[in-house]
């Protein structure tokens, strides 16, 4: 999973930088392809980040639902004193 999360964008960044250097700076098709690879690396990293944020959000909702069910059974929120 780490290889997909960080390795793939890292490889794409390396390919992009090599292509930019090999392409001679800001002009040329090879340099343009390098910029595309850098953008692609950013997109892959951001998609992975958004997916992780989605999973965290689902876990938060599950915890909230469990707390509501506890409240319905016991009449108080979990972790509160009383009894």
PDB file of N, CA and C in Angstrom:
ATOM      1  N   UNK A   1       0.822  -1.190   0.000  1.00  0.00           N
ATOM      2  CA  UNK A   1       0.000   0.000   0.000  1.00  0.00           C
ATOM      3  C   UNK A   1       0.870   1.260   0.000  1.00  0.00           C
ATOM      4  N   UNK A   2       1.961   1.221   0.742  1.00  0.00           N
ATOM      5  CA  UNK A   2       2.861   2.376   0.753  1.00  0.00           C
ATOM      6  C   UNK A   2       3.485   2.603  -0.617  1.00  0.00           C
ATOM      7  N   UNK A   3       3.718   1.509  -1.348  1.00  0.00           N
ATOM      8  CA  UNK A   3       4.292   1.651  -2.687  1.00  0.00           C
ATOM      9  C   UNK A   3       3.332   2.408  -3.601  1.00  0.00           C
ATOM     10  N   UNK A   4       2.059   2.146  -3.465  1.00  0.00           N
ATOM     11  CA  UNK A   4       1.075   2.858  -4.281  1.00  0.00           C
ATOM     12  C   UNK A   4       0.887   4.281  -3.786  1.00  0.00           C
ATOM     13  N   UNK A   5       0.869   4.458  -2.494  1.00  0.00           N
ATOM     14  CA  UNK A   5       0.593   5.767  -1.907  1.00  0.00           C
ATOM     15  C   UNK A   5       1.731   6.756  -2.124  1.00  0.00           C
ATOM     16  N   UNK A   6       2.957   6.308  -1.930  1.00  0.00           N
ATOM     17  CA  UNK A   6       4.103   7.216  -2.026  1.00  0.00           C
ATOM     18  C   UNK A   6       5.073   6.833  -3.141  1.00  0.00           C
ATOM     19  N   UNK A   7       5.216   5.548  -3.407  1.00  0.00           N
ATOM     20  CA  UNK A   7       6.182   5.094  -4.401  1.00  0.00           C
ATOM     21  C   UNK A   7       5.827   5.511  -5.816  1.00  0.00           C
ATOM     22  N   UNK A   8       4.580   5.290  -6.209  1.00  0.00           N
ATOM     23  CA  UNK A   8       4.159   5.648  -7.562  1.00  0.00           C
ATOM     24  C   UNK A   8       4.296   7.146  -7.822  1.00  0.00           C
ATOM     25  N   UNK A   9       3.787   8.018  -6.938  1.00  0.00           N
ATOM     26  CA  UNK A   9       4.021   9.443  -7.188  1.00  0.00           C
ATOM     27  C   UNK A   9       5.507   9.808  -7.182  1.00  0.00           C
ATOM     28  N   UNK A  10       6.289   9.162  -6.329  1.00  0.00           N
ATOM     29  CA  UNK A  10       7.723   9.434  -6.295  1.00  0.00           C
ATOM     30  C   UNK A  10       8.416   9.061  -7.594  1.00  0.00           C
ATOM     31  N   UNK A  11       8.058   7.908  -8.134  1.00  0.00           N
ATOM     32  CA  UNK A  11       8.637   7.479  -9.415  1.00  0.00           C
ATOM     33  C   UNK A  11       8.234   8.453 -10.521  1.00  0.00           C
ATOM     34  N   UNK A  12       6.978   8.880 -10.506  1.00  0.00           N
ATOM     35  CA  UNK A  12       6.520   9.831 -11.524  1.00  0.00           C
ATOM     36  C   UNK A  12       7.249  11.171 -11.417  1.00  0.00           C
ATOM     37  N   UNK A  13       7.540  11.606 -10.193  1.00  0.00           N
ATOM     38  CA  UNK A  13       8.296  12.854 -10.003  1.00  0.00           C
ATOM     39  C   UNK A  13       9.702  12.700 -10.570  1.00  0.00           C
ATOM     40  N   UNK A  14      10.336  11.583 -10.277  1.00  0.00           N
ATOM     41  CA  UNK A  14      11.697  11.351 -10.782  1.00  0.00           C
ATOM     42  C   UNK A  14      11.690  11.337 -12.311  1.00  0.00           C
ATOM     43  N   UNK A  15      10.737  10.638 -12.913  1.00  0.00           N
ATOM     44  CA  UNK A  15      10.639  10.604 -14.375  1.00  0.00           C
ATOM     45  C   UNK A  15      10.426  12.012 -14.922  1.00  0.00           C
ATOM     46  N   UNK A  16       9.566  12.775 -14.261  1.00  0.00           N
ATOM     47  CA  UNK A  16       9.300  14.132 -14.714  1.00  0.00           C
ATOM     48  C   UNK A  16      10.520  15.024 -14.645  1.00  0.00           C
ATOM     49  N   UNK A  17      11.249  14.951 -13.543  1.00  0.00           N
ATOM     50  CA  UNK A  17      12.444  15.787 -13.396  1.00  0.00           C
ATOM     51  C   UNK A  17      13.503  15.387 -14.416  1.00  0.00           C
ATOM     52  N   UNK A  18      13.688  14.090 -14.616  1.00  0.00           N
ATOM     53  CA  UNK A  18      14.662  13.622 -15.605  1.00  0.00           C
ATOM     54  C   UNK A  18      14.259  14.100 -16.999  1.00  0.00           C
ATOM     55  N   UNK A  19      12.984  14.035 -17.318  1.00  0.00           N
ATOM     56  CA  UNK A  19      12.534  14.474 -18.641  1.00  0.00           C
ATOM     57  C   UNK A  19      12.728  15.976 -18.818  1.00  0.00           C
ATOM     58  N   UNK A  20      12.477  16.748 -17.779  1.00  0.00           N
ATOM     59  CA  UNK A  20      12.672  18.201 -17.878  1.00  0.00           C
ATOM     60  C   UNK A  20      14.144  18.524 -18.087  1.00  0.00           C
ATOM     61  N   UNK A  21      15.011  17.863 -17.318  1.00  0.00           N
ATOM     62  CA  UNK A  21      16.449  18.104 -17.458  1.00  0.00           C
ATOM     63  C   UNK A  21      16.927  17.647 -18.843  1.00  0.00           C
ATOM     64  N   UNK A  22      16.482  16.491 -19.275  1.00  0.00           N
ATOM     65  CA  UNK A  22      16.898  15.969 -20.581  1.00  0.00           C
ATOM     66  C   UNK A  22      16.329  16.804 -21.720  1.00  0.00           C
ATOM     67  N   UNK A  23      15.179  17.409 -21.497  1.00  0.00           N
ATOM     68  CA  UNK A  23      14.551  18.202 -22.542  1.00  0.00           C
ATOM     69  C   UNK A  23      15.134  19.579 -22.694  1.00  0.00           C
ATOM     70  N   UNK A  24      16.024  19.990 -21.840  1.00  0.00           N
ATOM     71  CA  UNK A  24      16.688  21.260 -22.006  1.00  0.00           C
ATOM     72  C   UNK A  24      15.942  22.443 -21.432  1.00  0.00           C
ATOM     73  N   UNK A  25      15.215  22.272 -20.362  1.00  0.00           N
ATOM     74  CA  UNK A  25      14.572  23.411 -19.707  1.00  0.00           C
ATOM     75  C   UNK A  25      13.117  23.572 -20.095  1.00  0.00           C
ATOM     76  N   UNK A  26      12.746  24.814 -20.400  1.00  0.00           N
ATOM     77  CA  UNK A  26      11.332  25.140 -20.562  1.00  0.00           C
ATOM     78  C   UNK A  26      10.798  24.865 -21.959  1.00  0.00           C
ATOM     79  N   UNK A  27      11.648  24.527 -22.916  1.00  0.00           N
ATOM     80  CA  UNK A  27      11.148  24.306 -24.272  1.00  0.00           C
ATOM     81  C   UNK A  27      11.383  22.859 -24.675  1.00  0.00           C
ATOM     82  N   UNK A  28      10.604  22.409 -25.623  1.00  0.00           N
ATOM     83  CA  UNK A  28      10.783  21.064 -26.151  1.00  0.00           C
ATOM     84  C   UNK A  28       9.715  20.110 -25.663  1.00  0.00           C
ATOM     85  N   UNK A  29       9.471  19.095 -26.481  1.00  0.00           N
ATOM     86  CA  UNK A  29       8.420  18.119 -26.180  1.00  0.00           C
ATOM     87  C   UNK A  29       8.787  17.251 -24.984  1.00  0.00           C
ATOM     88  N   UNK A  30      10.061  16.929 -24.844  1.00  0.00           N
ATOM     89  CA  UNK A  30      10.474  16.081 -23.719  1.00  0.00           C
ATOM     90  C   UNK A  30      10.280  16.824 -22.410  1.00  0.00           C
ATOM     91  N   UNK A  31      10.622  18.102 -22.382  1.00  0.00           N
ATOM     92  CA  UNK A  31      10.425  18.896 -21.169  1.00  0.00           C
ATOM     93  C   UNK A  31       8.933  19.025 -20.860  1.00  0.00           C
ATOM     94  N   UNK A  32       8.126  19.186 -21.907  1.00  0.00           N
ATOM     95  CA  UNK A  32       6.677  19.255 -21.710  1.00  0.00           C
ATOM     96  C   UNK A  32       6.121  17.967 -21.124  1.00  0.00           C
ATOM     97  N   UNK A  33       6.649  16.857 -21.596  1.00  0.00           N
ATOM     98  CA  UNK A  33       6.226  15.567 -21.049  1.00  0.00           C
ATOM     99  C   UNK A  33       6.632  15.452 -19.582  1.00  0.00           C
ATOM    100  N   UNK A  34       7.787  16.016 -19.247  1.00  0.00           N
ATOM    101  CA  UNK A  34       8.226  16.005 -17.851  1.00  0.00           C
ATOM    102  C   UNK A  34       7.274  16.765 -16.956  1.00  0.00           C
ATOM    103  N   UNK A  35       6.795  17.896 -17.432  1.00  0.00           N
ATOM    104  CA  UNK A  35       5.822  18.669 -16.659  1.00  0.00           C
ATOM    105  C   UNK A  35       4.527  17.882 -16.496  1.00  0.00           C
ATOM    106  N   UNK A  36       4.132  17.187 -17.542  1.00  0.00           N
ATOM    107  CA  UNK A  36       2.931  16.347 -17.459  1.00  0.00           C
ATOM    108  C   UNK A  36       3.125  15.261 -16.409  1.00  0.00           C
ATOM    109  N   UNK A  37       4.294  14.647 -16.363  1.00  0.00           N
ATOM    110  CA  UNK A  37       4.565  13.622 -15.349  1.00  0.00           C
ATOM    111  C   UNK A  37       4.507  14.204 -13.941  1.00  0.00           C
ATOM    112  N   UNK A  38       5.013  15.414 -13.759  1.00  0.00           N
ATOM    113  CA  UNK A  38       4.931  16.044 -12.435  1.00  0.00           C
ATOM    114  C   UNK A  38       3.469  16.283 -12.045  1.00  0.00           C
ATOM    115  N   UNK A  39       2.668  16.745 -12.984  1.00  0.00           N
ATOM    116  CA  UNK A  39       1.238  16.935 -12.709  1.00  0.00           C
ATOM    117  C   UNK A  39       0.545  15.625 -12.406  1.00  0.00           C
ATOM    118  N   UNK A  40       0.906  14.591 -13.141  1.00  0.00           N
ATOM    119  CA  UNK A  40       0.330  13.272 -12.903  1.00  0.00           C
ATOM    120  C   UNK A  40       0.702  12.762 -11.517  1.00  0.00           C
ATOM    121  N   UNK A  41       1.933  12.986 -11.098  1.00  0.00           N
ATOM    122  CA  UNK A  41       2.362  12.570  -9.755  1.00  0.00           C
ATOM    123  C   UNK A  41       1.529  13.277  -8.696  1.00  0.00           C
ATOM    124  N   UNK A  42       1.294  14.570  -8.885  1.00  0.00           N
ATOM    125  CA  UNK A  42       0.471  15.324  -7.941  1.00  0.00           C
ATOM    126  C   UNK A  42      -0.954  14.784  -7.909  1.00  0.00           C
ATOM    127  N   UNK A  43      -1.506  14.461  -9.067  1.00  0.00           N
ATOM    128  CA  UNK A  43      -2.876  13.928  -9.106  1.00  0.00           C
ATOM    129  C   UNK A  43      -2.982  12.573  -8.412  1.00  0.00           C
ATOM    130  N   UNK A  44      -2.013  11.701  -8.633  1.00  0.00           N
ATOM    131  CA  UNK A  44      -2.040  10.381  -7.978  1.00  0.00           C
ATOM    132  C   UNK A  44      -1.964  10.554  -6.466  1.00  0.00           C
ATOM    133  N   UNK A  45      -1.050  11.437  -6.013  1.00  0.00           N
ATOM    134  CA  UNK A  45      -0.927  11.662  -4.580  1.00  0.00           C
ATOM    135  C   UNK A  45      -2.219  12.231  -4.002  1.00  0.00           C
ATOM    136  N   UNK A  46      -2.846  13.185  -4.699  1.00  0.00           N
ATOM    137  CA  UNK A  46      -4.068  13.807  -4.191  1.00  0.00           C
ATOM    138  C   UNK A  46      -5.239  12.827  -4.173  1.00  0.00           C
ATOM    139  N   UNK A  47      -5.343  11.953  -5.168  1.00  0.00           N
ATOM    140  CA  UNK A  47      -6.412  10.950  -5.168  1.00  0.00           C
ATOM    141  C   UNK A  47      -6.242  10.021  -3.975  1.00  0.00           C
ATOM    142  N   UNK A  48      -4.999   9.612  -3.705  1.00  0.00           N
ATOM    143  CA  UNK A  48      -4.745   8.776  -2.525  1.00  0.00           C
ATOM    144  C   UNK A  48      -5.110   9.518  -1.249  1.00  0.00           C
ATOM    145  N   UNK A  49      -4.778  10.793  -1.155  1.00  0.00           N
ATOM    146  CA  UNK A  49      -5.089  11.598   0.019  1.00  0.00           C
ATOM    147  C   UNK A  49      -6.603  11.717   0.203  1.00  0.00           C
ATOM    148  N   UNK A  50      -7.322  11.994  -0.878  1.00  0.00           N
ATOM    149  CA  UNK A  50      -8.783  12.100  -0.783  1.00  0.00           C
ATOM    150  C   UNK A  50      -9.411  10.771  -0.362  1.00  0.00           C
ATOM    151  N   UNK A  51      -8.873   9.661  -0.856  1.00  0.00           N
ATOM    152  CA  UNK A  51      -9.389   8.355  -0.463  1.00  0.00           C
ATOM    153  C   UNK A  51      -9.186   8.111   1.032  1.00  0.00           C
ATOM    154  N   UNK A  52      -7.998   8.476   1.545  1.00  0.00           N
ATOM    155  CA  UNK A  52      -7.746   8.314   2.982  1.00  0.00           C
ATOM    156  C   UNK A  52      -8.665   9.207   3.808  1.00  0.00           C
ATOM    157  N   UNK A  53      -8.909  10.424   3.339  1.00  0.00           N
ATOM    158  CA  UNK A  53      -9.827  11.327   4.047  1.00  0.00           C
ATOM    159  C   UNK A  53     -11.238  10.742   4.076  1.00  0.00           C
ATOM    160  N   UNK A  54     -11.646  10.120   3.000  1.00  0.00           N
ATOM    161  CA  UNK A  54     -12.965   9.496   2.933  1.00  0.00           C
ATOM    162  C   UNK A  54     -13.077   8.360   3.943  1.00  0.00           C
ATOM    163  N   UNK A  55     -12.033   7.551   4.054  1.00  0.00           N
ATOM    164  CA  UNK A  55     -12.060   6.449   5.017  1.00  0.00           C
ATOM    165  C   UNK A  55     -12.111   6.968   6.448  1.00  0.00           C
ATOM    166  N   UNK A  56     -11.354   8.025   6.737  1.00  0.00           N
ATOM    167  CA  UNK A  56     -11.384   8.618   8.076  1.00  0.00           C
ATOM    168  C   UNK A  56     -12.771   9.151   8.392  1.00  0.00           C
ATOM    169  N   UNK A  57     -13.413   9.763   7.417  1.00  0.00           N
ATOM    170  CA  UNK A  57     -14.758  10.306   7.609  1.00  0.00           C
ATOM    171  C   UNK A  57     -15.750   9.186   7.913  1.00  0.00           C
ATOM    172  N   UNK A  58     -15.612   8.069   7.224  1.00  0.00           N
ATOM    173  CA  UNK A  58     -16.508   6.931   7.482  1.00  0.00           C
ATOM    174  C   UNK A  58     -16.305   6.388   8.891  1.00  0.00           C
ATOM    175  N   UNK A  59     -15.066   6.315   9.347  1.00  0.00           N
ATOM    176  CA  UNK A  59     -14.811   5.837  10.712  1.00  0.00           C
ATOM    177  C   UNK A  59     -15.415   6.787  11.739  1.00  0.00           C
ATOM    178  N   UNK A  60     -15.317   8.096  11.490  1.00  0.00           N
ATOM    179  CA  UNK A  60     -15.921   9.069  12.400  1.00  0.00           C
ATOM    180  C   UNK A  60     -17.438   8.888  12.468  1.00  0.00           C
ATOM    181  N   UNK A  61     -18.061   8.662  11.314  1.00  0.00           N
ATOM    182  CA  UNK A  61     -19.515   8.441  11.298  1.00  0.00           C
ATOM    183  C   UNK A  61     -19.894   7.175  12.049  1.00  0.00           C
ATOM    184  N   UNK A  62     -19.091   6.129  11.894  1.00  0.00           N
ATOM    185  CA  UNK A  62     -19.374   4.882  12.609  1.00  0.00           C
ATOM    186  C   UNK A  62     -19.271   5.081  14.119  1.00  0.00           C
ATOM    187  N   UNK A  63     -18.250   5.810  14.571  1.00  0.00           N
ATOM    188  CA  UNK A  63     -18.119   6.078  16.010  1.00  0.00           C
ATOM    189  C   UNK A  63     -19.297   6.897  16.522  1.00  0.00           C
ATOM    190  N   UNK A  64     -19.734   7.874  15.749  1.00  0.00           N
ATOM    191  CA  UNK A  64     -20.875   8.700  16.152  1.00  0.00           C
ATOM    192  C   UNK A  64     -22.141   7.855  16.239  1.00  0.00           C
ATOM    193  N   UNK A  65     -22.322   6.966  15.291  1.00  0.00           N
ATOM    194  CA  UNK A  65     -23.509   6.092  15.311  1.00  0.00           C
ATOM    195  C   UNK A  65     -23.476   5.174  16.532  1.00  0.00           C
ATOM    196  N   UNK A  66     -22.307   4.628  16.854  1.00  0.00           N
ATOM    197  CA  UNK A  66     -22.195   3.784  18.043  1.00  0.00           C
ATOM    198  C   UNK A  66     -22.510   4.584  19.305  1.00  0.00           C
ATOM    199  N   UNK A  67     -22.053   5.839  19.372  1.00  0.00           N
ATOM    200  CA  UNK A  67     -22.341   6.681  20.535  1.00  0.00           C
ATOM    201  C   UNK A  67     -23.837   6.959  20.638  1.00  0.00           C
ATOM    202  N   UNK A  68     -24.489   7.177  19.514  1.00  0.00           N
ATOM    203  CA  UNK A  68     -25.941   7.422  19.537  1.00  0.00           C
ATOM    204  C   UNK A  68     -26.711   6.182  19.994  1.00  0.00           C
ATOM    205  N   UNK A  69     -26.264   5.005  19.544  1.00  0.00           N
ATOM    206  CA  UNK A  69     -26.911   3.770  19.982  1.00  0.00           C
ATOM    207  C   UNK A  69     -26.705   3.568  21.490  1.00  0.00           C
ATOM    208  N   UNK A  70     -25.521   3.876  21.988  1.00  0.00           N
ATOM    209  CA  UNK A  70     -25.248   3.783  23.417  1.00  0.00           C
ATOM    210  C   UNK A  70     -26.160   4.738  24.182  1.00  0.00           C
ATOM    211  N   UNK A  71     -26.309   5.956  23.663  1.00  0.00           N
ATOM    212  CA  UNK A  71     -27.180   6.938  24.307  1.00  0.00           C
ATOM    213  C   UNK A  71     -28.625   6.442  24.335  1.00  0.00           C
ATOM    214  N   UNK A  72     -29.073   5.820  23.251  1.00  0.00           N
ATOM    215  CA  UNK A  72     -30.446   5.312  23.201  1.00  0.00           C
ATOM    216  C   UNK A  72     -30.659   4.200  24.231  1.00  0.00           C
ATOM    217  N   UNK A  73     -29.663   3.377  24.463  1.00  0.00           N
ATOM    218  CA  UNK A  73     -29.805   2.279  25.433  1.00  0.00           C
ATOM    219  C   UNK A  73     -29.647   2.746  26.869  1.00  0.00           C
ATOM    220  N   UNK A  74     -28.722   3.669  27.138  1.00  0.00           N
ATOM    221  CA  UNK A  74     -28.360   4.007  28.506  1.00  0.00           C
ATOM    222  C   UNK A  74     -28.804   5.383  28.969  1.00  0.00           C
ATOM    223  N   UNK A  75     -29.230   6.225  28.061  1.00  0.00           N
ATOM    224  CA  UNK A  75     -29.692   7.544  28.431  1.00  0.00           C
ATOM    225  C   UNK A  75     -28.592   8.557  28.708  1.00  0.00           C
ATOM    226  N   UNK A  76     -27.377   8.218  28.378  1.00  0.00           N
ATOM    227  CA  UNK A  76     -26.256   9.152  28.532  1.00  0.00           C
ATOM    228  C   UNK A  76     -25.225   8.838  27.458  1.00  0.00           C
ATOM    229  N   UNK A  77     -24.373   9.825  27.202  1.00  0.00           N
ATOM    230  CA  UNK A  77     -23.327   9.627  26.187  1.00  0.00           C
ATOM    231  C   UNK A  77     -22.204   8.780  26.782  1.00  0.00           C
ATOM    232  N   UNK A  78     -21.544   7.981  25.950  1.00  0.00           N
ATOM    233  CA  UNK A  78     -20.424   7.178  26.452  1.00  0.00           C
ATOM    234  C   UNK A  78     -19.314   8.094  26.978  1.00  0.00           C
ATOM    235  N   UNK A  79     -18.740   7.699  28.092  1.00  0.00           N
ATOM    236  CA  UNK A  79     -17.670   8.464  28.680  1.00  0.00           C
ATOM    237  C   UNK A  79     -18.130   9.492  29.693  1.00  0.00           C
ATOM    238  N   UNK A  80     -19.432   9.750  29.754  1.00  0.00           N
ATOM    239  CA  UNK A  80     -19.947  10.690  30.746  1.00  0.00           C
ATOM    240  C   UNK A  80     -20.135   9.973  32.065  1.00  0.00           C
ATOM    241  N   UNK A  81     -20.002  10.692  33.124  1.00  0.00           N
ATOM    242  CA  UNK A  81     -20.229  10.110  34.441  1.00  0.00           C
ATOM    243  C   UNK A  81     -21.719   9.901  34.685  1.00  0.00           C
ATOM    244  N   UNK A  82     -22.030   9.311  35.755  1.00  0.00           N
ATOM    245  CA  UNK A  82     -23.452   9.082  36.104  1.00  0.00           C
ATOM    246  C   UNK A  82     -23.746   7.603  36.087  1.00  0.00           C
ATOM    247  N   UNK A  83     -24.954   7.343  36.350  1.00  0.00           N
ATOM    248  CA  UNK A  83     -25.180   5.940  36.279  1.00  0.00           C
ATOM    249  C   UNK A  83     -26.415   5.478  36.834  1.00  0.00           C
TER     250      UNK A  83
END
